[in-house]
N, C-alpha and C. Protein backbone atom coordinates (compact mmCIF):
# COMPACT_ATOMS: atom_id res chain seq x y z
N UNK A 1 108.45 -7.73 79.91
CA UNK A 1 107.50 -8.57 79.72
C UNK A 1 107.56 -9.06 78.59
N UNK A 2 107.59 -10.93 78.36
CA UNK A 2 107.02 -11.17 76.88
C UNK A 2 105.28 -10.97 76.80
N UNK A 3 105.25 -10.95 75.56
CA UNK A 3 103.56 -11.07 75.05
C UNK A 3 103.17 -12.01 75.30
N UNK A 4 102.20 -11.92 75.61
CA UNK A 4 100.97 -13.51 75.82
C UNK A 4 99.52 -12.69 74.74
N UNK A 5 99.89 -11.97 73.56
CA UNK A 5 98.87 -12.26 72.77
C UNK A 5 99.33 -13.39 71.26
N UNK A 6 100.14 -13.61 71.62
CA UNK A 6 101.10 -14.92 71.05
C UNK A 6 99.45 -16.32 70.59
N UNK A 7 99.64 -16.56 71.97
CA UNK A 7 98.24 -17.58 72.13
C UNK A 7 97.03 -17.45 71.65
N UNK A 8 96.10 -18.25 70.99
CA UNK A 8 95.03 -18.08 70.54
C UNK A 8 94.25 -17.01 71.02
N UNK A 9 93.35 -16.56 70.63
CA UNK A 9 91.99 -15.37 71.17
C UNK A 9 91.01 -16.33 71.73
N UNK A 10 90.44 -16.79 72.54
CA UNK A 10 89.19 -17.15 73.19
C UNK A 10 88.43 -16.10 74.16
N UNK A 11 87.26 -16.50 74.26
CA UNK A 11 86.45 -15.10 75.22
C UNK A 11 86.30 -13.87 74.91
N UNK A 12 86.33 -12.98 75.93
CA UNK A 12 85.81 -11.78 75.39
C UNK A 12 87.07 -10.33 76.27
N UNK A 13 87.50 -9.60 75.19
CA UNK A 13 88.64 -9.09 75.11
C UNK A 13 88.18 -7.64 74.90
N UNK A 14 88.53 -6.22 75.59
CA UNK A 14 88.17 -5.06 75.22
C UNK A 14 89.18 -4.50 74.68
N UNK A 15 89.37 -3.66 73.49
CA UNK A 15 89.85 -2.88 73.42
C UNK A 15 89.71 -1.53 73.14
N UNK A 16 90.58 -0.42 73.94
CA UNK A 16 90.33 0.58 74.02
C UNK A 16 91.94 1.57 73.76
N UNK A 17 92.13 3.06 73.37
CA UNK A 17 92.99 4.01 73.67
C UNK A 17 92.22 4.58 74.45
N UNK A 18 93.21 5.35 75.32
CA UNK A 18 93.41 6.40 76.37
C UNK A 18 93.91 6.72 76.58
N UNK A 19 93.62 8.21 77.40
CA UNK A 19 94.71 9.66 77.33
C UNK A 19 95.14 8.75 78.82
N UNK A 20 95.92 9.52 79.23
CA UNK A 20 97.52 9.42 80.71
C UNK A 20 96.19 9.67 81.94
N UNK A 21 94.90 10.07 81.61
CA UNK A 21 94.26 10.55 82.53
C UNK A 21 92.66 9.62 82.55
N UNK A 22 93.33 8.84 81.28
CA UNK A 22 91.97 7.51 81.38
C UNK A 22 90.49 8.12 80.59
N UNK A 23 90.88 9.47 79.58
CA UNK A 23 89.92 9.63 78.55
C UNK A 23 90.04 8.94 77.32
N UNK A 24 88.86 8.32 76.79
CA UNK A 24 88.90 7.63 75.94
C UNK A 24 87.94 8.40 74.83
N UNK A 25 86.83 9.15 75.10
CA UNK A 25 86.49 9.96 74.34
C UNK A 25 85.42 11.38 74.66
N UNK A 26 86.19 12.05 73.78
CA UNK A 26 84.97 13.56 74.24
C UNK A 26 83.95 14.03 72.57
N UNK A 27 82.79 14.20 73.10
CA UNK A 27 82.05 14.41 72.03
C UNK A 27 81.55 13.29 70.61
N UNK A 28 81.51 12.18 71.35
CA UNK A 28 81.24 11.43 70.21
C UNK A 28 82.51 10.76 69.65
N UNK A 29 83.65 11.22 69.76
CA UNK A 29 84.83 11.16 69.02
C UNK A 29 86.03 10.88 69.63
N UNK A 30 87.52 10.53 68.82
CA UNK A 30 88.78 10.56 70.14
C UNK A 30 89.31 11.76 70.23
N UNK A 31 89.94 12.13 71.04
CA UNK A 31 89.94 13.48 70.92
C UNK A 31 91.58 13.57 70.41
N UNK A 32 92.20 12.58 69.92
CA UNK A 32 93.53 12.37 69.40
C UNK A 32 93.25 11.81 67.74
N UNK A 33 94.76 12.08 67.35
CA UNK A 33 94.61 11.17 65.56
C UNK A 33 96.61 10.59 66.16
N UNK A 34 96.09 9.41 66.37
CA UNK A 34 97.36 8.16 66.46
C UNK A 34 97.38 7.53 65.27
N UNK A 35 97.77 7.27 64.11
CA UNK A 35 97.56 6.41 63.70
C UNK A 35 98.13 4.51 63.44
N UNK A 36 98.76 4.50 64.20
CA UNK A 36 99.17 3.32 64.85
C UNK A 36 98.38 2.69 65.42
N UNK A 37 97.85 3.27 66.62
CA UNK A 37 96.65 3.45 67.41
C UNK A 37 95.56 2.34 66.03
N UNK A 38 95.19 2.73 65.67
CA UNK A 38 94.10 2.66 64.37
C UNK A 38 94.67 1.10 63.76
N UNK A 39 96.12 1.12 63.90
CA UNK A 39 96.69 0.30 62.84
C UNK A 39 96.20 -1.42 63.51
N UNK A 40 96.91 -0.61 65.19
CA UNK A 40 96.78 -1.67 66.24
C UNK A 40 95.14 -2.18 66.84
N UNK A 41 94.68 -1.38 66.66
CA UNK A 41 92.83 -1.66 66.91
C UNK A 41 92.81 -3.03 65.51
N UNK A 42 93.47 -2.58 64.06
CA UNK A 42 92.91 -3.17 63.37
C UNK A 42 93.44 -4.77 63.42
N UNK A 43 94.49 -5.11 63.97
CA UNK A 43 95.28 -6.36 63.85
C UNK A 43 94.96 -7.24 65.17
N UNK A 44 93.75 -6.14 65.94
CA UNK A 44 93.64 -6.95 67.82
C UNK A 44 92.13 -7.56 67.06
N UNK A 45 91.12 -7.03 66.13
CA UNK A 45 90.23 -7.36 65.99
C UNK A 45 90.01 -8.05 64.60
N UNK A 46 90.72 -8.17 63.64
CA UNK A 46 90.72 -8.70 62.52
C UNK A 46 90.21 -10.22 62.94
N UNK A 47 88.99 -10.42 62.28
CA UNK A 47 88.45 -11.29 61.93
C UNK A 47 87.97 -12.29 62.88
N UNK A 48 87.19 -11.13 64.56
CA UNK A 48 86.62 -11.12 65.03
C UNK A 48 85.05 -10.83 65.65
N UNK A 49 84.50 -10.85 66.04
CA UNK A 49 83.58 -10.23 66.40
C UNK A 49 83.91 -9.44 67.44
N UNK A 50 83.52 -7.53 66.50
CA UNK A 50 83.28 -6.48 67.45
C UNK A 50 81.38 -6.57 68.01
N UNK A 51 81.89 -5.45 69.56
CA UNK A 51 80.38 -5.29 70.23
C UNK A 51 81.03 -3.99 70.31
N UNK A 52 79.64 -3.26 70.40
CA UNK A 52 79.98 -1.61 70.09
C UNK A 52 78.84 -0.93 70.42
N UNK A 53 78.78 -0.10 71.07
CA UNK A 53 76.98 0.69 71.32
C UNK A 53 77.01 1.32 70.21
N UNK A 54 75.48 1.82 70.27
CA UNK A 54 74.96 2.54 68.83
C UNK A 54 76.08 3.87 68.50
N UNK A 55 76.20 4.36 69.62
CA UNK A 55 77.11 5.74 69.49
C UNK A 55 78.66 5.55 68.83
N UNK A 56 78.74 4.97 69.41
CA UNK A 56 80.41 4.31 69.01
C UNK A 56 80.35 3.94 67.40
N UNK A 57 79.07 2.85 66.55
CA UNK A 57 79.31 2.89 65.52
C UNK A 57 78.95 3.41 65.19
N UNK A 58 77.75 4.75 65.47
CA UNK A 58 78.16 6.74 64.81
C UNK A 58 78.59 7.59 64.62
N UNK A 59 79.96 6.73 64.92
CA UNK A 59 81.13 7.86 65.10
C UNK A 59 82.44 6.98 64.50
N UNK A 60 81.97 6.27 63.80
CA UNK A 60 83.00 5.53 62.78
C UNK A 60 82.77 6.22 61.28
N UNK A 61 83.56 6.67 60.66
CA UNK A 61 83.09 7.27 59.57
C UNK A 61 82.43 6.42 58.75
N UNK A 62 81.61 6.37 57.48
CA UNK A 62 80.83 5.63 57.29
C UNK A 62 81.34 5.13 56.21
N UNK A 63 82.44 5.09 55.47
CA UNK A 63 83.61 4.51 54.39
C UNK A 63 83.77 3.00 55.28
N UNK A 64 84.43 3.20 56.59
CA UNK A 64 84.31 1.61 57.09
C UNK A 64 83.57 0.69 58.20
N UNK A 65 82.10 1.30 58.17
CA UNK A 65 80.61 0.76 58.64
C UNK A 65 80.38 -0.09 57.17
N UNK A 66 80.15 -1.48 57.71
CA UNK A 66 80.41 -2.12 58.82
C UNK A 66 82.84 -2.39 58.94
N UNK A 67 83.12 -2.70 59.88
CA UNK A 67 84.57 -2.69 60.20
C UNK A 67 85.19 -4.07 59.63
N UNK A 68 85.66 -3.72 58.37
CA UNK A 68 86.31 -5.03 57.16
C UNK A 68 86.10 -6.04 57.72
N UNK A 69 85.83 -7.88 57.81
CA UNK A 69 86.99 -8.43 58.21
C UNK A 69 86.49 -8.58 60.01
N UNK A 70 85.34 -7.91 59.97
CA UNK A 70 84.95 -8.59 61.72
C UNK A 70 83.46 -8.59 61.08
N UNK A 71 82.36 -9.49 62.24
CA UNK A 71 81.58 -9.62 62.32
C UNK A 71 80.92 -8.07 63.03
N UNK A 72 80.11 -7.09 62.51
CA UNK A 72 79.99 -6.50 63.59
C UNK A 72 78.70 -6.40 64.51
N UNK A 73 78.24 -6.16 65.08
CA UNK A 73 77.42 -6.67 66.48
C UNK A 73 77.33 -4.81 67.15
N UNK A 74 76.00 -4.11 67.02
CA UNK A 74 75.49 -3.09 67.52
C UNK A 74 74.46 -3.54 68.92
N UNK A 75 75.04 -3.11 69.67
CA UNK A 75 74.50 -2.92 71.34
C UNK A 75 73.63 -1.36 71.62
N UNK A 76 71.92 -1.97 71.43
CA UNK A 76 71.03 -0.52 71.68
C UNK A 76 69.82 -0.87 72.49
N UNK A 77 69.16 0.10 72.84
CA UNK A 77 68.12 0.01 73.57
C UNK A 77 66.84 0.08 72.62
N UNK A 78 67.25 1.13 71.84
CA UNK A 78 66.29 1.37 70.61
C UNK A 78 65.38 0.26 69.92
N UNK A 79 65.09 -0.23 69.46
CA UNK A 79 64.44 -1.62 68.96
C UNK A 79 64.23 -1.29 67.29
N UNK A 80 64.02 0.05 67.19
CA UNK A 80 63.45 0.45 66.25
C UNK A 80 64.41 0.95 65.25
N UNK A 81 65.78 0.90 66.24
CA UNK A 81 67.00 1.39 65.02
C UNK A 81 67.58 0.69 64.16
N UNK A 82 67.16 -1.20 64.30
CA UNK A 82 67.84 -1.91 63.51
C UNK A 82 66.84 -1.37 61.54
N UNK A 83 66.07 -0.80 61.90
CA UNK A 83 64.84 -0.33 60.97
C UNK A 83 65.78 0.92 60.08
N UNK A 84 66.72 1.71 60.76
CA UNK A 84 67.29 3.27 59.67
C UNK A 84 67.93 2.65 58.89
N UNK A 85 68.92 3.58 58.01
CA UNK A 85 69.81 3.08 57.25
C UNK A 85 70.90 3.53 57.91
N UNK A 86 70.76 3.86 58.99
CA UNK A 86 72.46 3.80 60.03
C UNK A 86 72.89 2.88 60.59
N UNK A 87 71.83 1.75 60.67
CA UNK A 87 71.85 0.11 60.88
C UNK A 87 72.53 -0.81 60.27
N UNK A 88 72.61 -0.11 59.05
CA UNK A 88 72.93 -1.12 57.40
C UNK A 88 74.36 -1.13 57.95
N UNK A 89 74.20 -3.09 57.83
CA UNK A 89 76.08 -3.53 57.87
C UNK A 89 76.34 -3.71 58.98
N UNK A 90 75.01 -3.44 60.24
CA UNK A 90 75.36 -3.99 61.85
C UNK A 90 74.65 -5.18 62.02
N UNK A 91 74.78 -5.83 62.77
CA UNK A 91 74.26 -6.75 63.26
C UNK A 91 73.50 -6.11 65.07
N UNK A 92 72.36 -5.88 65.22
CA UNK A 92 71.35 -5.62 65.98
C UNK A 92 70.85 -6.14 67.46
N UNK A 93 71.29 -6.01 68.03
CA UNK A 93 70.87 -6.76 69.54
C UNK A 93 70.52 -5.81 70.79
N UNK A 94 69.73 -6.19 71.47
CA UNK A 94 69.19 -5.47 72.57
C UNK A 94 69.98 -5.72 73.77
N UNK A 95 70.37 -6.81 74.03
CA UNK A 95 71.23 -7.03 75.67
C UNK A 95 72.56 -7.56 75.46
N UNK A 96 73.21 -7.70 76.05
CA UNK A 96 74.72 -7.79 76.01
C UNK A 96 75.00 -9.60 76.14
N UNK A 97 74.50 -9.88 76.99
CA UNK A 97 74.13 -11.59 76.58
C UNK A 97 74.36 -12.20 75.90
N UNK A 98 73.21 -11.85 74.12
CA UNK A 98 73.28 -11.46 73.10
C UNK A 98 74.39 -11.46 72.39
N UNK A 99 74.95 -10.42 72.72
CA UNK A 99 75.92 -9.87 71.63
C UNK A 99 77.18 -10.68 72.48
N UNK A 100 77.34 -11.50 73.35
CA UNK A 100 78.53 -12.58 73.45
C UNK A 100 78.32 -13.85 73.28
N UNK A 101 77.26 -14.10 73.12
CA UNK A 101 76.94 -15.51 72.97
C UNK A 101 77.08 -15.96 71.74
N UNK A 102 78.55 -16.53 71.28
CA UNK A 102 79.03 -16.13 70.34
C UNK A 102 80.32 -17.60 70.69
N UNK A 103 81.08 -19.04 69.52
CA UNK A 103 82.20 -19.25 69.89
C UNK A 103 83.70 -18.60 68.97
N UNK A 104 83.09 -17.76 68.68
CA UNK A 104 84.17 -16.93 68.00
C UNK A 104 84.93 -15.55 69.27
N UNK A 105 86.05 -15.33 69.06
CA UNK A 105 86.71 -14.60 69.75
C UNK A 105 85.48 -13.12 69.52
N UNK A 106 85.72 -12.97 70.97
CA UNK A 106 84.74 -11.03 70.89
C UNK A 106 85.98 -9.98 71.54
N UNK A 107 85.34 -9.13 71.05
CA UNK A 107 85.95 -7.62 71.37
C UNK A 107 85.09 -6.91 71.50
N UNK A 108 85.44 -6.27 72.84
CA UNK A 108 83.98 -5.21 72.87
C UNK A 108 84.82 -3.29 72.66
N UNK A 109 84.52 -2.87 72.46
CA UNK A 109 85.12 -1.58 71.15
C UNK A 109 84.59 -0.09 71.40
N UNK A 110 83.41 0.18 72.72
CA UNK A 110 83.13 0.70 73.17
C UNK A 110 81.26 1.21 73.31
N UNK A 111 81.06 2.17 73.72
CA UNK A 111 81.71 2.76 74.55
C UNK A 111 81.78 3.01 75.75
N UNK A 112 81.72 3.92 76.49
CA UNK A 112 82.03 3.72 77.94
C UNK A 112 80.96 3.25 78.62
N UNK A 113 79.10 2.95 78.12
CA UNK A 113 78.67 2.35 79.38
C UNK A 113 79.01 0.74 78.73
N UNK A 114 79.43 0.54 77.26
CA UNK A 114 78.96 -1.23 76.62
C UNK A 114 80.15 -1.36 77.63
N UNK A 115 81.44 -0.73 77.45
CA UNK A 115 82.80 -1.27 78.61
C UNK A 115 82.71 -1.75 80.34
N UNK A 116 81.05 -0.76 80.99
CA UNK A 116 81.18 -0.69 81.92
C UNK A 116 80.71 -2.03 82.54
N UNK A 117 79.01 -2.86 81.28
CA UNK A 117 78.98 -3.55 81.14
C UNK A 117 79.36 -4.85 81.01
N UNK A 118 80.50 -4.58 80.13
CA UNK A 118 81.13 -5.90 79.76
C UNK A 118 82.54 -6.36 80.47
N UNK A 119 82.71 -5.57 81.45
CA UNK A 119 83.98 -5.96 81.82
C UNK A 119 84.09 -6.53 82.95
N UNK A 120 83.10 -6.85 83.61
CA UNK A 120 83.41 -8.07 84.61
C UNK A 120 82.71 -9.70 84.00
N UNK A 121 82.64 -9.71 82.58
CA UNK A 121 82.91 -10.68 81.35
C UNK A 121 84.53 -10.78 80.81
N UNK A 122 85.05 -9.63 80.77
CA UNK A 122 86.32 -9.70 80.09
C UNK A 122 87.85 -10.78 80.88
N UNK A 123 88.35 -11.23 80.00
CA UNK A 123 89.46 -12.04 80.35
C UNK A 123 90.67 -11.14 79.92
N UNK A 124 90.38 -10.44 78.88
CA UNK A 124 91.66 -9.42 78.50
C UNK A 124 91.21 -8.13 78.00
N UNK A 125 92.12 -6.87 78.10
CA UNK A 125 92.19 -5.81 78.16
C UNK A 125 93.58 -5.65 76.57
N UNK A 126 93.36 -4.70 75.48
CA UNK A 126 94.45 -4.54 74.86
C UNK A 126 94.03 -2.80 74.45
N UNK A 127 95.15 -2.19 75.68
CA UNK A 127 94.76 -0.63 75.96
C UNK A 127 95.97 -0.45 75.31
N UNK A 128 95.68 1.24 74.65
CA UNK A 128 96.48 1.90 74.07
C UNK A 128 96.54 3.19 74.88
N UNK A 129 98.00 3.59 75.31
CA UNK A 129 97.97 4.70 76.45
C UNK A 129 98.69 6.00 74.98
N UNK A 130 97.46 7.22 75.18
CA UNK A 130 98.30 7.99 74.59
C UNK A 130 98.80 8.53 75.19
N UNK A 131 99.75 9.69 75.35
CA UNK A 131 100.58 10.53 76.53
C UNK A 131 100.02 11.78 76.24
N UNK A 132 98.35 12.18 76.16
CA UNK A 132 97.93 13.51 76.23
C UNK A 132 97.09 13.54 77.24
N UNK A 133 96.55 15.42 77.87
CA UNK A 133 95.72 15.49 79.20
C UNK A 133 94.90 16.19 78.13
N UNK A 134 93.67 15.45 77.68
CA UNK A 134 92.78 16.26 77.29
C UNK A 134 91.51 15.99 78.17
N UNK A 135 90.36 16.73 77.89
CA UNK A 135 89.40 16.73 78.39
C UNK A 135 88.38 16.10 77.41
N UNK A 136 87.71 15.37 77.87
CA UNK A 136 86.81 14.24 77.59
C UNK A 136 85.42 13.98 78.36
N UNK A 137 84.45 13.51 77.74
CA UNK A 137 83.37 12.81 78.61
C UNK A 137 82.56 11.65 78.65
N UNK A 138 83.78 10.33 78.41
CA UNK A 138 84.05 9.31 78.77
C UNK A 138 85.34 8.90 78.70
N UNK A 139 85.54 7.68 80.20
CA UNK A 139 86.86 7.54 80.55
C UNK A 139 86.99 6.10 80.33
N UNK A 140 88.03 5.44 80.50
CA UNK A 140 88.23 3.69 80.36
C UNK A 140 88.03 3.38 81.90
N UNK A 141 87.48 2.19 82.03
CA UNK A 141 87.68 1.43 83.22
C UNK A 141 88.68 1.31 84.06
N UNK A 142 89.71 1.93 85.03
CA UNK A 142 90.52 2.22 85.48
C UNK A 142 91.21 0.54 86.24
N UNK A 143 92.24 -0.05 85.06
CA UNK A 143 92.46 -1.72 85.55
C UNK A 143 93.78 -1.50 86.24
N UNK A 144 94.52 -0.41 86.68
CA UNK A 144 95.56 -0.72 87.80
C UNK A 144 94.58 -0.84 88.88
N UNK A 145 93.79 -0.05 89.27
CA UNK A 145 93.69 0.01 90.75
C UNK A 145 92.64 -1.19 90.85
N UNK A 146 92.00 -2.35 89.62
CA UNK A 146 91.04 -3.42 90.04
C UNK A 146 92.38 -4.69 90.69
N UNK A 147 92.11 -5.38 91.65
CA UNK A 147 92.31 -6.48 92.35
C UNK A 147 92.61 -7.60 91.45
N UNK A 148 91.81 -7.48 90.13
CA UNK A 148 91.88 -9.03 89.50
C UNK A 148 92.39 -8.88 88.26
N UNK A 149 93.33 -8.00 87.98
CA UNK A 149 93.73 -7.55 86.35
C UNK A 149 95.55 -7.45 86.94
N UNK A 150 95.70 -8.08 85.84
CA UNK A 150 97.57 -8.15 85.57
C UNK A 150 97.92 -7.76 84.73
N UNK A 151 99.13 -6.82 84.51
CA UNK A 151 99.38 -6.31 83.28
C UNK A 151 100.66 -6.96 82.99
N UNK A 152 100.76 -7.43 81.36
CA UNK A 152 100.94 -8.92 81.44
C UNK A 152 101.98 -8.56 80.30
N UNK A 153 102.08 -7.30 79.28
CA UNK A 153 102.87 -7.30 78.45
C UNK A 153 102.57 -5.47 78.30
N UNK A 154 104.07 -4.69 78.71
CA UNK A 154 103.80 -3.39 78.68
C UNK A 154 104.64 -2.96 77.45
N UNK A 155 104.79 -1.96 76.22
CA UNK A 155 105.45 -1.82 75.67
C UNK A 155 106.26 -0.53 75.74
N UNK A 156 107.20 -0.23 75.06
CA UNK A 156 107.86 0.80 74.60
C UNK A 156 107.16 2.13 74.44
N UNK A 157 107.47 3.40 74.97
CA UNK A 157 106.66 4.41 74.46
C UNK A 157 107.34 4.75 73.04
N UNK A 158 106.51 5.35 72.43
CA UNK A 158 106.86 5.71 70.99
C UNK A 158 106.23 7.24 70.27
N UNK A 159 106.88 7.15 69.11
CA UNK A 159 106.12 8.26 68.61
C UNK A 159 105.39 8.48 66.96
N UNK A 160 104.14 8.70 67.25
CA UNK A 160 103.71 8.62 66.13
C UNK A 160 103.90 9.37 65.39
N UNK A 161 103.82 8.88 64.01
CA UNK A 161 104.48 9.53 62.51
C UNK A 161 103.72 10.74 61.99
N UNK A 162 102.89 10.81 62.84
CA UNK A 162 101.85 11.94 62.69
C UNK A 162 101.89 12.97 63.78
N UNK A 163 102.70 13.90 64.00
CA UNK A 163 102.28 14.77 64.84
C UNK A 163 103.23 14.34 66.25
N UNK A 164 103.86 13.30 66.47
CA UNK A 164 104.50 13.05 66.90
C UNK A 164 104.39 12.56 68.66
N UNK A 165 103.21 12.47 68.32
CA UNK A 165 102.27 12.02 69.94
C UNK A 165 102.94 10.84 70.19
N UNK A 166 103.23 10.59 71.71
CA UNK A 166 103.72 9.27 72.35
C UNK A 166 102.68 8.87 72.69
N UNK A 167 102.79 7.45 72.39
CA UNK A 167 102.03 6.14 72.56
C UNK A 167 102.82 4.57 73.58
N UNK A 168 102.29 4.10 73.89
CA UNK A 168 102.43 2.71 74.05
C UNK A 168 101.37 1.48 74.20
N UNK A 169 101.33 0.39 74.09
CA UNK A 169 100.48 -0.76 73.99
C UNK A 169 100.48 -1.11 75.27
N UNK A 170 99.72 -1.70 75.98
CA UNK A 170 99.60 -2.40 77.71
C UNK A 170 98.62 -3.68 77.07
N UNK A 171 98.72 -4.98 77.60
CA UNK A 171 98.33 -6.05 77.46
C UNK A 171 98.01 -6.47 78.82
N UNK A 172 96.72 -6.38 79.07
CA UNK A 172 96.51 -6.65 80.70
C UNK A 172 95.62 -8.73 80.64
N UNK A 173 95.49 -9.29 81.55
CA UNK A 173 94.60 -10.36 81.53
C UNK A 173 93.87 -10.33 83.22
N UNK A 174 92.94 -11.31 83.09
CA UNK A 174 91.94 -11.39 84.43
C UNK A 174 92.80 -12.46 84.96
N UNK A 175 92.87 -12.55 86.36
CA UNK A 175 93.52 -13.02 86.76
C UNK A 175 92.46 -14.83 86.96
N UNK A 176 92.73 -15.72 86.83
CA UNK A 176 92.13 -17.12 86.88
C UNK A 176 91.61 -16.79 88.34
């Protein structure tokens, strides 16, 4: 399959890394360390608006908040959170429609509730599959089981330079 990502990115995308069993998070973090996935995340989202939930924002190391080179939008129901020190560097919104109201490319970056709410608006997904079976409390949407998504690029399995964990990149597009 050829890469569909060479074309300009418009609309709403989602990006995540998941285990082979669908886990994307455990106890507020990722249950693996694959530096190549972090590099991929940065390349995919660079220059775009990234939309994430408050807990995903909190899971980022402080030195990476806000994510550089991107407009950082944090979605929360807590109206008082914007005034806290933790919100420094974030554009805080309280509904998904406001978060997605831009002419710039948007990438939804987590967590589970934000992915679920954003899935009907997404037209593409950049997914890293990590070849591990780990326990977790947050899972990715199951695109392979959905009737309206096509796998457009399936990268080869590779080994991480740290620990040798296998991973691969998948790219999905919503059918027109």
